[in-house]
N, C-alpha and C. Protein backbone atom coordinates (compact mmCIF):
# COMPACT_ATOMS: atom_id res chain seq x y z
N UNK A 1 -19.76 8.60 13.26
CA UNK A 1 -20.54 7.37 13.22
C UNK A 1 -19.79 6.26 12.49
N UNK A 2 -19.11 6.62 11.39
CA UNK A 2 -18.34 5.63 10.63
C UNK A 2 -17.19 5.09 11.49
N UNK A 3 -16.51 5.98 12.18
CA UNK A 3 -15.40 5.56 13.04
C UNK A 3 -15.89 4.59 14.11
N UNK A 4 -17.03 4.90 14.71
CA UNK A 4 -17.57 4.03 15.75
C UNK A 4 -17.94 2.67 15.17
N UNK A 5 -18.50 2.66 13.96
CA UNK A 5 -18.86 1.40 13.33
C UNK A 5 -17.64 0.54 13.06
N UNK A 6 -16.55 1.18 12.61
CA UNK A 6 -15.31 0.45 12.34
C UNK A 6 -14.76 -0.14 13.64
N UNK A 7 -14.76 0.65 14.68
CA UNK A 7 -14.24 0.19 15.97
C UNK A 7 -15.05 -1.00 16.50
N UNK A 8 -16.36 -0.93 16.37
CA UNK A 8 -17.22 -2.01 16.85
C UNK A 8 -16.99 -3.29 16.04
N UNK A 9 -16.79 -3.11 14.73
CA UNK A 9 -16.54 -4.26 13.86
C UNK A 9 -15.24 -4.96 14.26
N UNK A 10 -14.20 -4.17 14.48
CA UNK A 10 -12.91 -4.74 14.87
C UNK A 10 -13.02 -5.44 16.23
N UNK A 11 -13.73 -4.82 17.15
CA UNK A 11 -13.86 -5.37 18.50
C UNK A 11 -14.56 -6.73 18.50
N UNK A 12 -15.39 -6.97 17.48
CA UNK A 12 -16.15 -8.22 17.40
C UNK A 12 -15.33 -9.37 16.80
N UNK A 13 -14.16 -9.06 16.26
CA UNK A 13 -13.35 -10.10 15.63
C UNK A 13 -12.39 -10.73 16.65
N UNK A 14 -12.42 -12.04 16.80
CA UNK A 14 -11.58 -12.70 17.83
C UNK A 14 -10.09 -12.57 17.56
N UNK A 15 -9.70 -12.36 16.30
CA UNK A 15 -8.28 -12.29 15.97
C UNK A 15 -7.76 -10.87 15.85
N UNK A 16 -8.61 -9.88 16.16
CA UNK A 16 -8.20 -8.48 16.06
C UNK A 16 -8.38 -7.77 17.40
N UNK A 17 -7.50 -6.84 17.68
CA UNK A 17 -7.61 -6.04 18.90
C UNK A 17 -7.47 -4.57 18.55
N UNK A 18 -8.42 -3.77 18.98
CA UNK A 18 -8.36 -2.33 18.77
C UNK A 18 -7.53 -1.72 19.90
N UNK A 19 -6.39 -1.10 19.56
CA UNK A 19 -5.53 -0.56 20.61
C UNK A 19 -5.64 0.96 20.75
N UNK A 20 -6.28 1.61 19.78
CA UNK A 20 -6.42 3.06 19.88
C UNK A 20 -7.16 3.63 18.69
N UNK A 21 -7.66 4.84 18.85
CA UNK A 21 -8.33 5.53 17.76
C UNK A 21 -8.01 7.02 17.86
N UNK A 22 -7.97 7.69 16.72
CA UNK A 22 -7.60 9.10 16.69
C UNK A 22 -8.51 9.84 15.72
N UNK A 23 -8.70 11.11 15.96
CA UNK A 23 -9.56 11.92 15.09
C UNK A 23 -8.77 12.94 14.29
N UNK A 24 -7.46 13.01 14.50
CA UNK A 24 -6.60 13.92 13.73
C UNK A 24 -5.32 13.19 13.34
N UNK A 25 -4.62 13.72 12.36
CA UNK A 25 -3.36 13.13 11.95
C UNK A 25 -2.32 13.21 13.05
N UNK A 26 -2.25 14.34 13.73
CA UNK A 26 -1.27 14.51 14.80
C UNK A 26 -1.51 13.51 15.93
N UNK A 27 -2.78 13.30 16.25
CA UNK A 27 -3.11 12.34 17.31
C UNK A 27 -2.75 10.92 16.86
N UNK A 28 -2.98 10.62 15.59
CA UNK A 28 -2.66 9.30 15.06
C UNK A 28 -1.16 9.03 15.17
N UNK A 29 -0.34 10.03 14.83
CA UNK A 29 1.11 9.87 14.90
C UNK A 29 1.56 9.67 16.35
N UNK A 30 0.99 10.44 17.24
CA UNK A 30 1.34 10.35 18.65
C UNK A 30 1.00 8.96 19.21
N UNK A 31 -0.22 8.49 18.91
CA UNK A 31 -0.65 7.19 19.42
C UNK A 31 0.15 6.05 18.80
N UNK A 32 0.47 6.19 17.52
CA UNK A 32 1.25 5.14 16.86
C UNK A 32 2.61 4.97 17.52
N UNK A 33 3.24 6.08 17.89
CA UNK A 33 4.54 6.01 18.57
C UNK A 33 4.39 5.38 19.95
N UNK A 34 3.28 5.65 20.62
CA UNK A 34 3.08 5.14 21.97
C UNK A 34 2.66 3.66 21.97
N UNK A 35 1.81 3.28 21.00
CA UNK A 35 1.20 1.95 21.01
C UNK A 35 1.84 0.95 20.04
N UNK A 36 2.60 1.45 19.07
CA UNK A 36 3.23 0.63 18.02
C UNK A 36 2.29 -0.48 17.52
N UNK A 37 1.21 -0.10 16.88
CA UNK A 37 0.25 -1.09 16.38
C UNK A 37 0.82 -1.87 15.20
N UNK A 38 0.22 -3.01 14.89
CA UNK A 38 0.61 -3.78 13.71
C UNK A 38 0.06 -3.13 12.45
N UNK A 39 -1.13 -2.54 12.57
CA UNK A 39 -1.80 -1.96 11.41
C UNK A 39 -2.54 -0.68 11.79
N UNK A 40 -2.52 0.28 10.86
CA UNK A 40 -3.25 1.54 11.05
C UNK A 40 -4.21 1.71 9.88
N UNK A 41 -5.47 1.98 10.18
CA UNK A 41 -6.47 2.31 9.17
C UNK A 41 -6.54 3.83 9.11
N UNK A 42 -6.08 4.40 8.01
CA UNK A 42 -5.89 5.85 7.92
C UNK A 42 -6.85 6.51 6.93
N UNK A 43 -7.62 7.46 7.43
CA UNK A 43 -8.46 8.26 6.53
C UNK A 43 -7.58 9.30 5.85
N UNK A 44 -8.00 9.75 4.67
CA UNK A 44 -7.22 10.77 3.97
C UNK A 44 -7.60 12.17 4.43
N UNK A 45 -8.89 12.42 4.53
CA UNK A 45 -9.36 13.77 4.82
C UNK A 45 -9.48 13.99 6.33
N UNK A 46 -8.39 14.44 6.92
CA UNK A 46 -8.33 14.70 8.35
C UNK A 46 -8.37 16.20 8.59
N UNK A 47 -8.77 16.63 9.79
CA UNK A 47 -8.92 18.06 10.04
C UNK A 47 -7.61 18.84 10.12
N UNK A 48 -6.48 18.15 10.27
CA UNK A 48 -5.21 18.89 10.35
C UNK A 48 -4.32 18.54 9.15
N UNK A 49 -3.50 17.51 9.26
CA UNK A 49 -2.65 17.14 8.13
C UNK A 49 -3.35 16.09 7.27
N UNK A 50 -2.97 16.07 6.00
CA UNK A 50 -3.52 15.08 5.08
C UNK A 50 -3.13 13.67 5.53
N UNK A 51 -4.07 12.72 5.40
CA UNK A 51 -3.82 11.36 5.85
C UNK A 51 -2.67 10.69 5.11
N UNK A 52 -2.44 11.08 3.86
CA UNK A 52 -1.33 10.51 3.11
C UNK A 52 0.00 11.00 3.68
N UNK A 53 0.05 12.29 4.01
CA UNK A 53 1.27 12.83 4.63
C UNK A 53 1.47 12.22 6.01
N UNK A 54 0.38 12.00 6.74
CA UNK A 54 0.49 11.35 8.05
C UNK A 54 1.04 9.93 7.89
N UNK A 55 0.61 9.25 6.84
CA UNK A 55 1.11 7.90 6.55
C UNK A 55 2.61 7.94 6.27
N UNK A 56 3.03 8.91 5.47
CA UNK A 56 4.44 9.04 5.12
C UNK A 56 5.29 9.26 6.38
N UNK A 57 4.84 10.16 7.24
CA UNK A 57 5.57 10.45 8.47
C UNK A 57 5.59 9.23 9.40
N UNK A 58 4.45 8.55 9.49
CA UNK A 58 4.35 7.40 10.37
C UNK A 58 5.32 6.29 9.93
N UNK A 59 5.35 6.00 8.63
CA UNK A 59 6.19 4.92 8.13
C UNK A 59 7.66 5.28 8.14
N UNK A 60 7.97 6.54 8.04
CA UNK A 60 9.38 6.95 8.17
C UNK A 60 9.89 6.64 9.57
N UNK A 61 9.01 6.79 10.56
CA UNK A 61 9.41 6.55 11.94
C UNK A 61 9.21 5.09 12.36
N UNK A 62 8.15 4.46 11.82
CA UNK A 62 7.82 3.08 12.20
C UNK A 62 7.59 2.25 10.94
N UNK A 63 8.66 1.87 10.25
CA UNK A 63 8.52 1.21 8.95
C UNK A 63 7.86 -0.16 8.98
N UNK A 64 7.78 -0.80 10.14
CA UNK A 64 7.17 -2.13 10.20
C UNK A 64 5.64 -2.08 10.29
N UNK A 65 5.08 -0.91 10.54
CA UNK A 65 3.63 -0.77 10.65
C UNK A 65 2.99 -0.87 9.27
N UNK A 66 1.88 -1.60 9.16
CA UNK A 66 1.10 -1.67 7.93
C UNK A 66 0.04 -0.57 7.95
N UNK A 67 -0.16 0.09 6.82
CA UNK A 67 -1.16 1.15 6.74
C UNK A 67 -2.12 0.86 5.59
N UNK A 68 -3.41 0.89 5.90
CA UNK A 68 -4.45 0.81 4.88
C UNK A 68 -5.13 2.17 4.82
N UNK A 69 -5.15 2.76 3.64
CA UNK A 69 -5.87 4.01 3.45
C UNK A 69 -7.36 3.69 3.33
N UNK A 70 -8.17 4.38 4.12
CA UNK A 70 -9.62 4.16 4.16
C UNK A 70 -10.28 5.43 3.67
N UNK A 71 -10.78 5.39 2.43
CA UNK A 71 -11.21 6.63 1.80
C UNK A 71 -12.52 6.46 1.04
N UNK A 72 -13.24 7.57 0.88
CA UNK A 72 -14.44 7.57 0.06
C UNK A 72 -14.15 8.02 -1.35
N UNK A 73 -12.89 8.29 -1.65
CA UNK A 73 -12.48 8.84 -2.94
C UNK A 73 -11.60 7.84 -3.68
N UNK A 74 -12.04 7.43 -4.88
CA UNK A 74 -11.28 6.47 -5.68
C UNK A 74 -10.37 7.15 -6.69
N UNK A 75 -10.08 8.43 -6.49
CA UNK A 75 -9.23 9.18 -7.41
C UNK A 75 -7.89 8.49 -7.61
N UNK A 76 -7.50 8.32 -8.88
CA UNK A 76 -6.22 7.67 -9.18
C UNK A 76 -5.05 8.44 -8.58
N UNK A 77 -5.18 9.76 -8.58
CA UNK A 77 -4.09 10.58 -8.03
C UNK A 77 -3.88 10.25 -6.55
N UNK A 78 -4.98 10.10 -5.80
CA UNK A 78 -4.87 9.79 -4.38
C UNK A 78 -4.34 8.38 -4.16
N UNK A 79 -4.78 7.45 -5.02
CA UNK A 79 -4.28 6.07 -4.92
C UNK A 79 -2.77 6.05 -5.15
N UNK A 80 -2.32 6.75 -6.20
CA UNK A 80 -0.89 6.80 -6.50
C UNK A 80 -0.11 7.41 -5.34
N UNK A 81 -0.61 8.51 -4.80
CA UNK A 81 0.08 9.18 -3.69
C UNK A 81 0.16 8.26 -2.47
N UNK A 82 -0.92 7.53 -2.23
CA UNK A 82 -0.97 6.63 -1.07
C UNK A 82 0.06 5.52 -1.20
N UNK A 83 0.15 4.93 -2.39
CA UNK A 83 1.13 3.86 -2.61
C UNK A 83 2.55 4.39 -2.52
N UNK A 84 2.77 5.58 -3.04
CA UNK A 84 4.09 6.19 -2.97
C UNK A 84 4.48 6.49 -1.52
N UNK A 85 3.48 6.80 -0.69
CA UNK A 85 3.75 7.08 0.73
C UNK A 85 4.05 5.81 1.51
N UNK A 86 3.76 4.64 0.90
CA UNK A 86 4.06 3.38 1.56
C UNK A 86 2.87 2.59 2.06
N UNK A 87 1.65 3.06 1.75
CA UNK A 87 0.46 2.33 2.19
C UNK A 87 0.42 0.94 1.55
N UNK A 88 -0.08 -0.03 2.29
CA UNK A 88 -0.18 -1.40 1.79
C UNK A 88 -1.57 -1.71 1.24
N UNK A 89 -2.48 -0.78 1.37
CA UNK A 89 -3.83 -1.02 0.89
C UNK A 89 -4.59 0.28 0.68
N UNK A 90 -5.58 0.21 -0.19
CA UNK A 90 -6.46 1.36 -0.43
C UNK A 90 -7.89 0.81 -0.45
N UNK A 91 -8.62 1.08 0.62
CA UNK A 91 -9.95 0.52 0.83
C UNK A 91 -11.00 1.63 0.76
N UNK A 92 -12.03 1.41 -0.07
CA UNK A 92 -13.09 2.41 -0.18
C UNK A 92 -14.12 2.21 0.92
N UNK A 93 -14.64 3.31 1.43
CA UNK A 93 -15.61 3.26 2.51
C UNK A 93 -16.94 2.66 2.07
N UNK A 94 -17.16 2.60 0.77
CA UNK A 94 -18.41 2.05 0.24
C UNK A 94 -18.40 0.53 0.22
N UNK A 95 -17.26 -0.08 0.54
CA UNK A 95 -17.14 -1.54 0.50
C UNK A 95 -17.94 -2.23 1.60
N UNK A 96 -18.20 -3.51 1.41
CA UNK A 96 -18.94 -4.31 2.38
C UNK A 96 -18.05 -4.68 3.56
N UNK A 97 -18.67 -5.12 4.63
CA UNK A 97 -17.95 -5.53 5.84
C UNK A 97 -16.95 -6.65 5.52
N UNK A 98 -17.36 -7.59 4.68
CA UNK A 98 -16.48 -8.70 4.33
C UNK A 98 -15.21 -8.20 3.65
N UNK A 99 -15.35 -7.18 2.80
CA UNK A 99 -14.18 -6.63 2.11
C UNK A 99 -13.24 -5.96 3.10
N UNK A 100 -13.81 -5.26 4.05
CA UNK A 100 -13.02 -4.58 5.09
C UNK A 100 -12.15 -5.59 5.84
N UNK A 101 -12.76 -6.68 6.25
CA UNK A 101 -12.02 -7.70 7.00
C UNK A 101 -11.02 -8.44 6.11
N UNK A 102 -11.39 -8.66 4.85
CA UNK A 102 -10.49 -9.33 3.92
C UNK A 102 -9.26 -8.46 3.64
N UNK A 103 -9.46 -7.15 3.54
CA UNK A 103 -8.34 -6.24 3.29
C UNK A 103 -7.34 -6.32 4.45
N UNK A 104 -7.84 -6.32 5.67
CA UNK A 104 -6.96 -6.42 6.85
C UNK A 104 -6.21 -7.75 6.82
N UNK A 105 -6.92 -8.82 6.52
CA UNK A 105 -6.30 -10.15 6.49
C UNK A 105 -5.16 -10.22 5.48
N UNK A 106 -5.40 -9.72 4.27
CA UNK A 106 -4.38 -9.79 3.22
C UNK A 106 -3.18 -8.91 3.53
N UNK A 107 -3.44 -7.71 4.01
CA UNK A 107 -2.34 -6.80 4.33
C UNK A 107 -1.49 -7.35 5.46
N UNK A 108 -2.12 -7.96 6.44
CA UNK A 108 -1.35 -8.55 7.54
C UNK A 108 -0.58 -9.79 7.10
N UNK A 109 -0.95 -10.35 5.94
CA UNK A 109 -0.19 -11.46 5.37
C UNK A 109 0.98 -10.95 4.52
N UNK A 110 1.11 -9.62 4.46
CA UNK A 110 2.19 -9.03 3.69
C UNK A 110 1.84 -8.76 2.24
N UNK A 111 0.55 -8.75 1.92
CA UNK A 111 0.11 -8.53 0.55
C UNK A 111 -0.45 -7.11 0.38
N UNK A 112 -0.61 -6.73 -0.86
CA UNK A 112 -1.19 -5.43 -1.19
C UNK A 112 -2.67 -5.62 -1.45
N UNK A 113 -3.51 -4.69 -0.92
CA UNK A 113 -4.95 -4.77 -1.19
C UNK A 113 -5.45 -3.47 -1.79
N UNK A 114 -6.15 -3.59 -2.92
CA UNK A 114 -6.82 -2.45 -3.54
C UNK A 114 -8.28 -2.81 -3.71
N UNK A 115 -9.19 -1.90 -3.37
CA UNK A 115 -10.61 -2.15 -3.59
C UNK A 115 -10.84 -2.48 -5.06
N UNK A 116 -11.82 -3.33 -5.36
CA UNK A 116 -12.09 -3.71 -6.75
C UNK A 116 -12.26 -2.52 -7.68
N UNK A 117 -12.91 -1.46 -7.21
CA UNK A 117 -13.10 -0.29 -8.06
C UNK A 117 -11.77 0.36 -8.42
N UNK A 118 -10.85 0.35 -7.48
CA UNK A 118 -9.52 0.94 -7.71
C UNK A 118 -8.72 0.08 -8.69
N UNK A 119 -8.72 -1.24 -8.45
CA UNK A 119 -8.01 -2.15 -9.35
C UNK A 119 -8.59 -2.08 -10.76
N UNK A 120 -9.92 -1.99 -10.85
CA UNK A 120 -10.58 -1.92 -12.15
C UNK A 120 -10.14 -0.68 -12.92
N UNK A 121 -9.98 0.44 -12.20
CA UNK A 121 -9.54 1.67 -12.85
C UNK A 121 -8.14 1.55 -13.41
N UNK A 122 -7.24 0.90 -12.66
CA UNK A 122 -5.87 0.70 -13.13
C UNK A 122 -5.85 -0.18 -14.37
N UNK A 123 -6.62 -1.27 -14.33
CA UNK A 123 -6.65 -2.19 -15.47
C UNK A 123 -7.32 -1.55 -16.69
N UNK A 124 -8.34 -0.72 -16.45
CA UNK A 124 -9.00 -0.05 -17.57
C UNK A 124 -8.04 0.93 -18.24
N UNK A 125 -7.26 1.65 -17.47
CA UNK A 125 -6.26 2.56 -18.05
C UNK A 125 -5.26 1.78 -18.89
N UNK A 126 -4.89 0.61 -18.40
CA UNK A 126 -3.95 -0.22 -19.15
C UNK A 126 -4.59 -0.71 -20.45
N UNK A 127 -5.85 -1.12 -20.38
CA UNK A 127 -6.56 -1.59 -21.58
C UNK A 127 -6.60 -0.49 -22.64
N UNK A 128 -6.89 0.73 -22.19
CA UNK A 128 -6.95 1.86 -23.13
C UNK A 128 -5.58 2.11 -23.76
N UNK A 129 -4.53 1.97 -22.94
CA UNK A 129 -3.19 2.21 -23.48
C UNK A 129 -2.84 1.19 -24.55
N UNK A 130 -3.37 -0.04 -24.43
CA UNK A 130 -3.11 -1.07 -25.43
C UNK A 130 -3.80 -0.74 -26.74
N UNK A 131 -4.99 -0.15 -26.64
CA UNK A 131 -5.75 0.21 -27.83
C UNK A 131 -5.14 1.41 -28.52
N UNK A 132 -4.69 2.36 -27.71
CA UNK A 132 -4.21 3.62 -28.27
C UNK A 132 -2.78 3.55 -28.77
N UNK A 133 -1.96 2.66 -28.18
CA UNK A 133 -0.56 2.61 -28.54
C UNK A 133 -0.13 1.17 -28.79
N UNK A 134 0.80 0.94 -29.70
CA UNK A 134 1.31 -0.41 -29.89
C UNK A 134 2.01 -0.89 -28.63
N UNK A 135 1.88 -2.16 -28.33
CA UNK A 135 2.47 -2.72 -27.11
C UNK A 135 3.99 -2.75 -27.23
N UNK A 136 4.68 -2.09 -26.30
CA UNK A 136 6.15 -2.10 -26.35
C UNK A 136 6.69 -3.47 -25.97
N UNK A 137 7.90 -3.74 -26.38
CA UNK A 137 8.54 -4.99 -26.04
C UNK A 137 8.79 -5.04 -24.54
N UNK A 138 8.37 -6.12 -23.90
CA UNK A 138 8.50 -6.22 -22.45
C UNK A 138 9.92 -6.60 -22.05
N UNK A 139 10.46 -5.94 -21.05
CA UNK A 139 11.80 -6.30 -20.57
C UNK A 139 11.76 -7.65 -19.87
N UNK A 140 12.82 -8.42 -19.99
CA UNK A 140 12.91 -9.71 -19.32
C UNK A 140 13.46 -9.50 -17.90
N UNK A 141 12.73 -10.01 -16.93
CA UNK A 141 13.14 -9.86 -15.54
C UNK A 141 13.76 -11.15 -15.02
N UNK A 142 14.81 -11.01 -14.24
CA UNK A 142 15.41 -12.17 -13.59
C UNK A 142 14.53 -12.56 -12.40
N UNK A 143 14.74 -13.76 -11.87
CA UNK A 143 13.97 -14.20 -10.71
C UNK A 143 14.22 -13.28 -9.52
N UNK A 144 15.45 -12.79 -9.35
CA UNK A 144 15.75 -11.88 -8.25
C UNK A 144 14.99 -10.57 -8.43
N UNK A 145 14.91 -10.09 -9.68
CA UNK A 145 14.18 -8.84 -9.95
C UNK A 145 12.69 -9.03 -9.69
N UNK A 146 12.16 -10.19 -10.05
CA UNK A 146 10.74 -10.46 -9.78
C UNK A 146 10.49 -10.54 -8.28
N UNK A 147 11.40 -11.15 -7.56
CA UNK A 147 11.28 -11.26 -6.11
C UNK A 147 11.30 -9.87 -5.46
N UNK A 148 12.21 -9.02 -5.94
CA UNK A 148 12.30 -7.65 -5.43
C UNK A 148 11.01 -6.90 -5.74
N UNK A 149 10.48 -7.08 -6.95
CA UNK A 149 9.27 -6.39 -7.35
C UNK A 149 8.09 -6.82 -6.48
N UNK A 150 8.01 -8.11 -6.18
CA UNK A 150 6.92 -8.59 -5.32
C UNK A 150 7.01 -7.95 -3.93
N UNK A 151 8.22 -7.88 -3.39
CA UNK A 151 8.40 -7.30 -2.06
C UNK A 151 8.07 -5.82 -2.04
N UNK A 152 8.40 -5.12 -3.12
CA UNK A 152 8.07 -3.69 -3.22
C UNK A 152 6.56 -3.51 -3.25
N UNK A 153 5.84 -4.36 -4.01
CA UNK A 153 4.38 -4.23 -4.10
C UNK A 153 3.69 -4.60 -2.79
N UNK A 154 4.38 -5.35 -1.94
CA UNK A 154 3.83 -5.67 -0.63
C UNK A 154 4.00 -4.52 0.35
N UNK A 155 4.67 -3.46 -0.09
CA UNK A 155 4.86 -2.31 0.78
C UNK A 155 6.06 -2.44 1.70
N UNK A 156 6.98 -3.39 1.40
CA UNK A 156 8.15 -3.58 2.26
C UNK A 156 9.13 -2.44 2.10
N UNK A 157 9.77 -2.06 3.18
CA UNK A 157 10.81 -1.04 3.17
C UNK A 157 12.14 -1.68 2.75
N UNK A 158 13.08 -0.84 2.35
CA UNK A 158 14.38 -1.34 1.89
C UNK A 158 15.05 -2.22 2.95
N UNK A 159 14.94 -1.82 4.23
CA UNK A 159 15.55 -2.59 5.32
C UNK A 159 14.93 -3.99 5.41
N UNK A 160 13.60 -4.05 5.30
CA UNK A 160 12.92 -5.34 5.37
C UNK A 160 13.31 -6.22 4.19
N UNK A 161 13.39 -5.62 2.99
CA UNK A 161 13.75 -6.38 1.79
C UNK A 161 15.18 -6.89 1.92
N UNK A 162 16.07 -6.02 2.41
CA UNK A 162 17.47 -6.42 2.57
C UNK A 162 17.60 -7.59 3.53
N UNK A 163 16.87 -7.55 4.65
CA UNK A 163 16.92 -8.64 5.61
C UNK A 163 16.41 -9.95 4.99
N UNK A 164 15.34 -9.85 4.22
CA UNK A 164 14.76 -11.06 3.63
C UNK A 164 15.64 -11.66 2.54
N UNK A 165 16.29 -10.81 1.76
CA UNK A 165 17.13 -11.30 0.66
C UNK A 165 18.57 -11.55 1.09
N UNK A 166 18.90 -11.13 2.31
CA UNK A 166 20.23 -11.39 2.82
C UNK A 166 21.32 -10.54 2.19
N UNK A 167 20.97 -9.30 1.85
CA UNK A 167 21.95 -8.38 1.28
C UNK A 167 21.89 -7.07 2.05
N UNK A 168 22.75 -6.13 1.71
CA UNK A 168 22.77 -4.85 2.40
C UNK A 168 21.67 -3.93 1.88
N UNK A 169 21.33 -2.94 2.71
CA UNK A 169 20.34 -1.94 2.31
C UNK A 169 20.84 -1.17 1.08
N UNK A 170 22.15 -0.90 1.05
CA UNK A 170 22.74 -0.20 -0.09
C UNK A 170 22.54 -1.00 -1.38
N UNK A 171 22.68 -2.32 -1.30
CA UNK A 171 22.49 -3.16 -2.47
C UNK A 171 21.05 -3.11 -2.95
N UNK A 172 20.11 -3.11 -1.99
CA UNK A 172 18.69 -3.04 -2.35
C UNK A 172 18.38 -1.72 -3.04
N UNK A 173 18.97 -0.64 -2.54
CA UNK A 173 18.75 0.67 -3.16
C UNK A 173 19.25 0.65 -4.61
N UNK A 174 20.39 0.00 -4.83
CA UNK A 174 20.94 -0.10 -6.18
C UNK A 174 20.06 -0.96 -7.08
N UNK A 175 19.66 -2.13 -6.56
CA UNK A 175 18.80 -3.03 -7.34
C UNK A 175 17.47 -2.34 -7.70
N UNK A 176 16.93 -1.63 -6.70
CA UNK A 176 15.63 -0.97 -6.92
C UNK A 176 15.75 0.13 -7.97
N UNK A 177 16.84 0.88 -7.91
CA UNK A 177 17.06 1.94 -8.89
C UNK A 177 17.21 1.36 -10.30
N UNK A 178 17.96 0.26 -10.40
CA UNK A 178 18.15 -0.38 -11.71
C UNK A 178 16.85 -0.95 -12.24
N UNK A 179 16.03 -1.52 -11.33
CA UNK A 179 14.75 -2.09 -11.74
C UNK A 179 13.82 -1.01 -12.28
N UNK A 180 13.79 0.14 -11.60
CA UNK A 180 12.94 1.24 -12.04
C UNK A 180 13.39 1.75 -13.42
N UNK A 181 14.70 1.80 -13.62
CA UNK A 181 15.22 2.21 -14.92
C UNK A 181 14.86 1.19 -16.00
N UNK A 182 15.00 -0.07 -15.67
CA UNK A 182 14.72 -1.13 -16.63
C UNK A 182 13.26 -1.15 -17.05
N UNK A 183 12.37 -0.90 -16.09
CA UNK A 183 10.94 -0.93 -16.37
C UNK A 183 10.40 0.45 -16.75
N UNK A 184 11.30 1.43 -16.77
CA UNK A 184 10.92 2.82 -17.09
C UNK A 184 9.84 3.32 -16.15
N UNK A 185 10.03 3.03 -14.88
CA UNK A 185 9.11 3.48 -13.83
C UNK A 185 9.74 4.67 -13.10
N UNK A 186 8.94 5.68 -12.87
CA UNK A 186 9.47 6.88 -12.23
C UNK A 186 9.13 6.96 -10.75
N UNK A 187 8.32 6.02 -10.23
CA UNK A 187 7.91 6.07 -8.83
C UNK A 187 7.54 4.67 -8.36
N UNK A 188 7.46 4.46 -7.02
CA UNK A 188 7.02 3.17 -6.49
C UNK A 188 5.62 2.79 -6.97
N UNK A 189 4.76 3.79 -7.13
CA UNK A 189 3.40 3.51 -7.62
C UNK A 189 3.44 2.91 -9.01
N UNK A 190 4.38 3.37 -9.85
CA UNK A 190 4.54 2.81 -11.19
C UNK A 190 4.95 1.34 -11.12
N UNK A 191 5.83 1.02 -10.16
CA UNK A 191 6.25 -0.37 -9.98
C UNK A 191 5.07 -1.25 -9.58
N UNK A 192 4.22 -0.73 -8.68
CA UNK A 192 3.04 -1.48 -8.23
C UNK A 192 2.09 -1.73 -9.40
N UNK A 193 1.86 -0.69 -10.20
CA UNK A 193 0.97 -0.84 -11.35
C UNK A 193 1.54 -1.87 -12.34
N UNK A 194 2.84 -1.82 -12.55
CA UNK A 194 3.48 -2.78 -13.47
C UNK A 194 3.28 -4.21 -12.95
N UNK A 195 3.50 -4.40 -11.66
CA UNK A 195 3.38 -5.73 -11.07
C UNK A 195 1.96 -6.27 -11.20
N UNK A 196 0.96 -5.41 -10.93
CA UNK A 196 -0.44 -5.82 -11.05
C UNK A 196 -0.76 -6.19 -12.50
N UNK A 197 -0.29 -5.34 -13.41
CA UNK A 197 -0.58 -5.53 -14.82
C UNK A 197 0.02 -6.84 -15.36
N UNK A 198 1.22 -7.17 -14.87
CA UNK A 198 1.93 -8.34 -15.39
C UNK A 198 1.70 -9.59 -14.54
N UNK A 199 0.83 -9.47 -13.51
CA UNK A 199 0.55 -10.64 -12.69
C UNK A 199 1.69 -11.06 -11.81
N UNK A 200 2.56 -10.12 -11.45
CA UNK A 200 3.72 -10.42 -10.61
C UNK A 200 3.41 -10.17 -9.14
N UNK A 201 2.42 -9.29 -8.86
CA UNK A 201 2.08 -8.94 -7.49
C UNK A 201 1.67 -10.17 -6.71
N UNK A 202 2.12 -10.21 -5.44
CA UNK A 202 1.77 -11.35 -4.58
C UNK A 202 0.31 -11.35 -4.22
N UNK A 203 -0.40 -10.17 -4.35
CA UNK A 203 -1.82 -10.10 -4.01
C UNK A 203 -2.65 -10.86 -5.01
């Protein structure tokens, strides 16, 4: 019923076109290869493979596709895994219709979207860390590093970032590695959290 409601909502929007729907991860991967959609709305709890793993496989093959995770679970672990897999958004099923459409709009603009409940959880964890521990000295970022960080938080792949910045993919890999070391981030999700916390994210 939820899937049908989503499909009907998309069909009613003049600027959106529904090109396919799938009920399993394997079917989603197959259709994505056949239809090459601009955006995929991916559930996590699928009957075969996990939706996050399906996202990872899909983006490895089709890096230009945008993926929004559509879930009823606001678990931080799942949010982190989704961002690490390359998802550009994490939308809760409990959200209103307006939020659903806004998430699609922002992600298609190249921005990152997190449901308010998810963002609130990230910021609350940060607030607690400030209370529990003294604030460490913040590293100074160059404009190029900030630009790279913004592109990473938008879910861009190394190839896309390299094309936009006019450098090689190898250079982007080096810059990204150095940035993670500088910010003491161990994963892409850590970079996204840092960007949100410091107001660097384009979203």
